[in-house]
Amino acid sequence: MAAKVDTAICDRSVEELAVGYLRYEALRKLNPRQFTELHMRNLQGEWFDDMVDDLVGRTLAQPGMNTGMGSVPQIAEDVGSNPTGAT
């Protein structure tokens, strides 16, 4: 298992890892009701990654939460990837 994780991490840029971390932290901090609402919006057709990126943006906009890294979509754009995660 550890070898697969190491390979997955080594194959990513620092920017991609930062975006993933910020998305994870935003989701991790939701309570069950908030996550259910997010999930229901996704089932109704709203793109999940866009909703999570919006959460990250609002989190970073809070006083004391600015990492100086820019918005998640901007970070992803800077490294040439799709911020929605669509392939």
Protein backbone atom coordinates (compact mmCIF):
# COMPACT_ATOMS: atom_id res chain seq x y z
CA MET A 1 0.00 0.00 0.00
CA ALA A 2 2.73 2.49 0.95
CA ALA A 3 4.50 2.00 -2.38
CA LYS A 4 1.31 2.89 -4.28
CA VAL A 5 0.85 6.03 -2.17
CA ASP A 6 4.49 7.03 -2.64
CA THR A 7 4.19 6.60 -6.42
CA ALA A 8 0.96 8.59 -6.52
CA ILE A 9 2.59 11.42 -4.58
CA CYS A 10 5.85 11.42 -6.51
CA ASP A 11 3.99 11.67 -9.82
CA ARG A 12 2.32 14.96 -8.78
CA SER A 13 3.59 18.52 -8.70
CA VAL A 14 3.66 20.51 -5.50
CA GLU A 15 0.80 22.62 -6.84
CA GLU A 16 -1.38 19.58 -7.55
CA LEU A 17 -0.69 18.22 -4.07
CA ALA A 18 -1.56 21.60 -2.54
CA VAL A 19 -4.88 21.73 -4.40
CA GLY A 20 -5.71 18.20 -3.24
CA TYR A 21 -4.79 19.05 0.33
CA LEU A 22 -6.93 22.19 0.36
CA ARG A 23 -9.88 20.29 -1.09
CA TYR A 24 -9.47 17.51 1.47
CA GLU A 25 -9.30 19.96 4.37
CA ALA A 26 -12.42 21.81 3.19
CA LEU A 27 -14.38 18.54 3.01
CA ARG A 28 -12.97 17.16 6.25
CA LYS A 29 -14.25 20.15 8.20
CA LEU A 30 -17.86 19.77 7.03
CA ASN A 31 -20.37 18.35 9.47
CA PRO A 32 -22.63 15.49 8.26
CA ARG A 33 -25.50 17.86 7.42
CA GLN A 34 -23.25 20.12 5.35
CA PHE A 35 -21.73 17.17 3.50
CA THR A 36 -25.20 15.74 2.82
CA GLU A 37 -26.27 19.07 1.32
CA LEU A 38 -23.16 19.09 -0.87
CA HIS A 39 -23.85 15.51 -1.94
CA MET A 40 -27.49 16.30 -2.76
CA ARG A 41 -26.46 19.26 -4.92
CA ASN A 42 -24.07 16.95 -6.74
CA LEU A 43 -26.83 14.41 -7.34
CA GLN A 44 -28.88 17.23 -8.86
CA GLY A 45 -26.14 17.83 -11.41
CA GLU A 46 -23.81 20.40 -9.87
CA TRP A 47 -20.13 19.55 -10.43
CA PHE A 48 -18.62 18.26 -7.16
CA ASP A 49 -15.12 19.67 -7.63
CA ASP A 50 -16.51 23.14 -8.40
CA MET A 51 -18.50 23.08 -5.16
CA VAL A 52 -15.46 21.97 -3.18
CA ASP A 53 -13.27 24.62 -4.83
CA ASP A 54 -15.88 27.20 -3.82
CA LEU A 55 -15.65 25.95 -0.23
CA VAL A 56 -11.87 26.26 -0.34
CA GLY A 57 -12.12 29.78 -1.71
CA ARG A 58 -14.47 30.82 1.08
CA THR A 59 -12.20 29.19 3.68
CA LEU A 60 -9.14 31.00 2.36
CA ALA A 61 -11.07 34.29 2.34
CA GLN A 62 -11.61 34.07 6.11
CA PRO A 63 -9.28 36.22 8.21
CA GLY A 64 -6.18 34.31 9.25
CA MET A 65 -6.74 31.61 6.61
CA ASN A 66 -4.84 33.15 3.69
CA THR A 67 -2.02 30.85 2.62
CA GLY A 68 -0.80 33.23 -0.07
CA MET A 69 -1.24 30.43 -2.59
CA GLY A 70 -4.12 31.93 -4.58
CA SER A 71 -7.46 30.36 -5.35
CA VAL A 72 -7.75 26.67 -6.10
CA PRO A 73 -8.88 27.24 -9.72
CA GLN A 74 -6.00 29.69 -10.20
CA ILE A 75 -3.46 27.22 -8.80
CA ALA A 76 -4.77 24.50 -11.10
CA GLU A 77 -4.74 26.88 -14.08
CA ASP A 78 -1.17 27.90 -13.28
CA VAL A 79 -0.01 24.29 -13.57
CA GLY A 80 -2.07 23.67 -16.69
CA SER A 81 -4.57 21.24 -15.18
CA ASN A 82 -8.37 21.28 -15.16
CA PRO A 83 -9.68 22.71 -11.85
CA THR A 84 -12.85 20.62 -12.07
CA GLY A 85 -10.95 17.37 -12.28
CA ALA A 86 -12.80 16.45 -15.48
CA THR A 87 -10.88 14.35 -17.96
